Amino acid sequence: MIQSALPLGHRRYRSRLKLSAKPAYFIALADLFFLLLFFILMASTVVRISGIKVDLPRANVPQATWLGKAILTIAPPEEPGKPCRIYFRDRMMDENQLRNELLTAGEQEKVLVIRADQDVPSGVLSEIMAIAEAAQMETFIAVQKPELRPETRFE
């Protein structure tokens, strides 16, 4: 009689499955990874900055933070004595049109980022900030660090 190391009633089974290192499995896994990465990147919200070139003032700020989608650009006048150029959603407008646009935008977006050229008078900035406050929007003025003056890249 042969004695087994296993208790009675137990059998030892040997699997016939063998590991296969075919590249098709790794390709499918890589495809799944990149599709997941693509959907995560596409789902993130992106702030679209207008293409109007302005020279931002310098200020010491710790970091740039995400503030919202509503961006207003103020460029200096093309000729002395004319009013500043105001762009909202890449459309040039005057203060009355801006007031109407901000009142409708203020219902959805609660933050207004103002990109004003450093040559824009502070009186124009205060008028625009008052319009935004009437639309119940918070206002922030975009600045750049003093030691860095890179060109704004629009991608």
C-alpha atoms as a PDB file:
ATOM      1  CA  MET A   1       0.000   0.000   0.000  1.00  0.00           C
ATOM      2  CA  ILE A   2       1.225   3.444  -0.963  1.00  0.00           C
ATOM      3  CA  GLN A   3       0.649   6.240   1.487  1.00  0.00           C
ATOM      4  CA  SER A   4      -0.061   9.718   0.242  1.00  0.00           C
ATOM      5  CA  ALA A   5       1.032  12.961   1.858  1.00  0.00           C
ATOM      6  CA  LEU A   6      -2.490  14.354   1.366  1.00  0.00           C
ATOM      7  CA  PRO A   7      -5.357  13.445   3.692  1.00  0.00           C
ATOM      8  CA  LEU A   8      -8.000  11.088   2.456  1.00  0.00           C
ATOM      9  CA  GLY A   9     -10.441  12.462  -0.052  1.00  0.00           C
ATOM     10  CA  HIS A  10      -8.066  15.075  -1.488  1.00  0.00           C
ATOM     11  CA  ARG A  11      -6.520  14.800  -4.878  1.00  0.00           C
ATOM     12  CA  ARG A  12      -3.773  16.734  -6.416  1.00  0.00           C
ATOM     13  CA  TYR A  13      -4.730  18.417  -9.690  1.00  0.00           C
ATOM     14  CA  ARG A  14      -2.243  19.706 -12.160  1.00  0.00           C
ATOM     15  CA  SER A  15      -3.361  22.598 -14.335  1.00  0.00           C
ATOM     16  CA  ARG A  16      -2.947  22.316 -18.066  1.00  0.00           C
ATOM     17  CA  LEU A  17      -2.969  26.111 -18.442  1.00  0.00           C
ATOM     18  CA  LYS A  18       0.286  27.717 -19.381  1.00  0.00           C
ATOM     19  CA  LEU A  19       1.225  31.382 -19.272  1.00  0.00           C
ATOM     20  CA  SER A  20       1.570  32.955 -22.645  1.00  0.00           C
ATOM     21  CA  ALA A  21       3.597  36.109 -23.266  1.00  0.00           C
ATOM     22  CA  LYS A  22       2.011  37.028 -26.562  1.00  0.00           C
ATOM     23  CA  PRO A  23       2.300  40.721 -27.433  1.00  0.00           C
ATOM     24  CA  ALA A  24      -1.402  40.991 -28.301  1.00  0.00           C
ATOM     25  CA  TYR A  25      -2.352  41.006 -24.633  1.00  0.00           C
ATOM     26  CA  PHE A  26       0.056  43.821 -23.859  1.00  0.00           C
ATOM     27  CA  ILE A  27      -1.129  45.843 -26.844  1.00  0.00           C
ATOM     28  CA  ALA A  28      -4.734  45.567 -25.700  1.00  0.00           C
ATOM     29  CA  LEU A  29      -3.730  46.644 -22.199  1.00  0.00           C
ATOM     30  CA  ALA A  30      -1.753  49.622 -23.558  1.00  0.00           C
ATOM     31  CA  ASP A  31      -4.720  50.630 -25.752  1.00  0.00           C
ATOM     32  CA  LEU A  32      -7.018  50.548 -22.762  1.00  0.00           C
ATOM     33  CA  PHE A  33      -4.574  52.665 -20.728  1.00  0.00           C
ATOM     34  CA  PHE A  34      -4.236  55.341 -23.431  1.00  0.00           C
ATOM     35  CA  LEU A  35      -8.005  55.474 -24.025  1.00  0.00           C
ATOM     36  CA  LEU A  36      -8.550  55.996 -20.324  1.00  0.00           C
ATOM     37  CA  LEU A  37      -5.872  58.707 -20.267  1.00  0.00           C
ATOM     38  CA  PHE A  38      -7.457  60.399 -23.306  1.00  0.00           C
ATOM     39  CA  PHE A  39     -10.909  60.517 -21.691  1.00  0.00           C
ATOM     40  CA  ILE A  40      -9.507  61.895 -18.434  1.00  0.00           C
ATOM     41  CA  LEU A  41      -7.686  64.665 -20.286  1.00  0.00           C
ATOM     42  CA  MET A  42     -10.714  65.513 -22.415  1.00  0.00           C
ATOM     43  CA  ALA A  43     -12.985  65.670 -19.382  1.00  0.00           C
ATOM     44  CA  SER A  44     -10.866  68.308 -17.659  1.00  0.00           C
ATOM     45  CA  THR A  45     -11.963  71.919 -18.028  1.00  0.00           C
ATOM     46  CA  VAL A  46      -9.699  74.252 -19.943  1.00  0.00           C
ATOM     47  CA  VAL A  47      -9.527  78.043 -19.665  1.00  0.00           C
ATOM     48  CA  ARG A  48      -9.441  79.578 -23.107  1.00  0.00           C
ATOM     49  CA  ILE A  49      -7.389  82.775 -23.214  1.00  0.00           C
ATOM     50  CA  SER A  50      -8.170  85.256 -25.950  1.00  0.00           C
ATOM     51  CA  GLY A  51      -5.630  86.028 -28.658  1.00  0.00           C
ATOM     52  CA  ILE A  52      -5.344  89.752 -27.916  1.00  0.00           C
ATOM     53  CA  LYS A  53      -1.742  90.568 -27.002  1.00  0.00           C
ATOM     54  CA  VAL A  54      -1.389  92.570 -23.799  1.00  0.00           C
ATOM     55  CA  ASP A  55       1.605  93.334 -21.596  1.00  0.00           C
ATOM     56  CA  LEU A  56       0.554  92.107 -18.148  1.00  0.00           C
ATOM     57  CA  PRO A  57       1.766  94.038 -15.095  1.00  0.00           C
ATOM     58  CA  ARG A  58       4.236  92.437 -12.709  1.00  0.00           C
ATOM     59  CA  ALA A  59       3.341  91.259  -9.208  1.00  0.00           C
ATOM     60  CA  ASN A  60       4.658  88.748  -6.706  1.00  0.00           C
ATOM     61  CA  VAL A  61       2.176  85.878  -6.650  1.00  0.00           C
ATOM     62  CA  PRO A  62       2.804  82.408  -5.210  1.00  0.00           C
ATOM     63  CA  GLN A  63       1.129  80.358  -7.952  1.00  0.00           C
ATOM     64  CA  ALA A  64      -1.414  80.594 -10.695  1.00  0.00           C
ATOM     65  CA  THR A  65      -4.703  79.038  -9.661  1.00  0.00           C
ATOM     66  CA  TRP A  66      -7.779  77.945 -11.511  1.00  0.00           C
ATOM     67  CA  LEU A  67     -10.351  80.714 -11.250  1.00  0.00           C
ATOM     68  CA  GLY A  68     -13.036  80.228 -13.864  1.00  0.00           C
ATOM     69  CA  LYS A  69     -13.950  80.603 -17.487  1.00  0.00           C
ATOM     70  CA  ALA A  70     -14.976  84.242 -17.933  1.00  0.00           C
ATOM     71  CA  ILE A  71     -11.949  86.157 -19.207  1.00  0.00           C
ATOM     72  CA  LEU A  72     -11.961  89.845 -20.134  1.00  0.00           C
ATOM     73  CA  THR A  73      -9.072  91.511 -21.971  1.00  0.00           C
ATOM     74  CA  ILE A  74      -8.414  95.254 -21.892  1.00  0.00           C
ATOM     75  CA  ALA A  75      -5.924  96.663 -24.388  1.00  0.00           C
ATOM     76  CA  PRO A  76      -4.667 100.256 -24.468  1.00  0.00           C
ATOM     77  CA  PRO A  77      -6.137 102.585 -27.107  1.00  0.00           C
ATOM     78  CA  GLU A  78      -4.626 102.469 -30.575  1.00  0.00           C
ATOM     79  CA  GLU A  79      -4.350 106.270 -30.617  1.00  0.00           C
ATOM     80  CA  PRO A  80      -4.030 108.663 -27.657  1.00  0.00           C
ATOM     81  CA  GLY A  81      -7.327 110.197 -26.569  1.00  0.00           C
ATOM     82  CA  LYS A  82      -9.460 107.232 -27.692  1.00  0.00           C
ATOM     83  CA  PRO A  83     -11.073 104.787 -25.229  1.00  0.00           C
ATOM     84  CA  CYS A  84      -9.410 101.514 -24.283  1.00  0.00           C
ATOM     85  CA  ARG A  85     -10.309  98.427 -26.295  1.00  0.00           C
ATOM     86  CA  ILE A  86     -12.381  95.926 -24.272  1.00  0.00           C
ATOM     87  CA  TYR A  87     -12.647  92.310 -25.450  1.00  0.00           C
ATOM     88  CA  PHE A  88     -14.983  89.750 -23.914  1.00  0.00           C
ATOM     89  CA  ARG A  89     -15.174  86.314 -25.518  1.00  0.00           C
ATOM     90  CA  ASP A  90     -12.957  87.602 -28.344  1.00  0.00           C
ATOM     91  CA  ARG A  91     -15.461  90.301 -29.322  1.00  0.00           C
ATOM     92  CA  MET A  92     -14.654  93.974 -29.020  1.00  0.00           C
ATOM     93  CA  MET A  93     -17.383  95.888 -27.173  1.00  0.00           C
ATOM     94  CA  ASP A  94     -18.090  99.099 -25.318  1.00  0.00           C
ATOM     95  CA  GLU A  95     -19.075  99.398 -21.643  1.00  0.00           C
ATOM     96  CA  ASN A  96     -22.832  99.140 -22.281  1.00  0.00           C
ATOM     97  CA  GLN A  97     -22.450  95.946 -24.300  1.00  0.00           C
ATOM     98  CA  LEU A  98     -20.079  94.605 -21.645  1.00  0.00           C
ATOM     99  CA  ARG A  99     -22.611  95.327 -18.898  1.00  0.00           C
ATOM    100  CA  ASN A 100     -25.266  93.293 -20.780  1.00  0.00           C
ATOM    101  CA  GLU A 101     -22.829  90.440 -21.467  1.00  0.00           C
ATOM    102  CA  LEU A 102     -21.643  90.257 -17.855  1.00  0.00           C
ATOM    103  CA  LEU A 103     -25.192  90.264 -16.509  1.00  0.00           C
ATOM    104  CA  THR A 104     -26.007  87.204 -18.622  1.00  0.00           C
ATOM    105  CA  ALA A 105     -22.611  85.554 -17.974  1.00  0.00           C
ATOM    106  CA  GLY A 106     -22.858  86.225 -14.224  1.00  0.00           C
ATOM    107  CA  GLU A 107     -25.702  83.735 -13.935  1.00  0.00           C
ATOM    108  CA  GLN A 108     -23.426  80.858 -15.007  1.00  0.00           C
ATOM    109  CA  GLU A 109     -19.891  82.059 -14.241  1.00  0.00           C
ATOM    110  CA  LYS A 110     -19.205  83.728 -10.920  1.00  0.00           C
ATOM    111  CA  VAL A 111     -15.571  84.721 -11.540  1.00  0.00           C
ATOM    112  CA  LEU A 112     -14.180  87.241 -14.022  1.00  0.00           C
ATOM    113  CA  VAL A 113     -10.449  87.224 -14.801  1.00  0.00           C
ATOM    114  CA  ILE A 114      -9.303  90.590 -16.160  1.00  0.00           C
ATOM    115  CA  ARG A 115      -6.242  90.590 -18.422  1.00  0.00           C
ATOM    116  CA  ALA A 116      -5.394  94.290 -18.611  1.00  0.00           C
ATOM    117  CA  ASP A 117      -2.340  95.790 -20.261  1.00  0.00           C
ATOM    118  CA  GLN A 118      -0.113  97.615 -17.781  1.00  0.00           C
ATOM    119  CA  ASP A 119      -0.703 100.866 -19.702  1.00  0.00           C
ATOM    120  CA  VAL A 120      -4.489 100.752 -19.110  1.00  0.00           C
ATOM    121  CA  PRO A 121      -5.565 103.509 -16.683  1.00  0.00           C
ATOM    122  CA  SER A 122      -6.754 102.353 -13.269  1.00  0.00           C
ATOM    123  CA  GLY A 123      -9.999 104.276 -13.751  1.00  0.00           C
ATOM    124  CA  VAL A 124     -10.977 101.948 -16.612  1.00  0.00           C
ATOM    125  CA  LEU A 125     -10.192  98.933 -14.430  1.00  0.00           C
ATOM    126  CA  SER A 126     -12.291 100.253 -11.558  1.00  0.00           C
ATOM    127  CA  GLU A 127     -15.259 100.908 -13.895  1.00  0.00           C
ATOM    128  CA  ILE A 128     -15.092  97.362 -15.257  1.00  0.00           C
ATOM    129  CA  MET A 129     -14.765  95.903 -11.768  1.00  0.00           C
ATOM    130  CA  ALA A 130     -17.854  97.879 -10.720  1.00  0.00           C
ATOM    131  CA  ILE A 131     -19.780  96.465 -13.701  1.00  0.00           C
ATOM    132  CA  ALA A 132     -18.705  92.945 -12.723  1.00  0.00           C
ATOM    133  CA  GLU A 133     -19.704  93.562  -9.103  1.00  0.00           C
ATOM    134  CA  ALA A 134     -23.151  94.679 -10.288  1.00  0.00           C
ATOM    135  CA  ALA A 135     -23.357  91.344 -12.132  1.00  0.00           C
ATOM    136  CA  GLN A 136     -22.428  89.609  -8.817  1.00  0.00           C
ATOM    137  CA  MET A 137     -19.120  88.335 -10.168  1.00  0.00           C
ATOM    138  CA  GLU A 138     -15.804  88.163  -8.345  1.00  0.00           C
ATOM    139  CA  THR A 139     -12.970  89.874 -10.211  1.00  0.00           C
ATOM    140  CA  PHE A 140      -9.294  89.004 -10.403  1.00  0.00           C
ATOM    141  CA  ILE A 141      -6.578  90.833 -12.314  1.00  0.00           C
ATOM    142  CA  ALA A 142      -4.100  88.598 -14.161  1.00  0.00           C
ATOM    143  CA  VAL A 143      -0.445  89.429 -13.522  1.00  0.00           C
ATOM    144  CA  GLN A 144       2.907  87.808 -14.185  1.00  0.00           C
ATOM    145  CA  LYS A 145       5.918  87.296 -11.944  1.00  0.00           C
ATOM    146  CA  PRO A 146       8.470  90.132 -12.072  1.00  0.00           C
ATOM    147  CA  GLU A 147      11.471  88.007 -13.008  1.00  0.00           C
ATOM    148  CA  LEU A 148       9.672  86.190 -15.831  1.00  0.00           C
ATOM    149  CA  ARG A 149       8.346  87.975 -18.898  1.00  0.00           C
ATOM    150  CA  PRO A 150       7.617  85.187 -21.366  1.00  0.00           C
ATOM    151  CA  GLU A 151       5.522  85.744 -24.436  1.00  0.00           C
ATOM    152  CA  THR A 152       1.962  84.529 -24.013  1.00  0.00           C
ATOM    153  CA  ARG A 153       1.499  81.315 -25.940  1.00  0.00           C
ATOM    154  CA  PHE A 154      -1.859  80.502 -27.466  1.00  0.00           C
ATOM    155  CA  GLU A 155      -2.278  76.844 -28.231  1.00  0.00           C
END
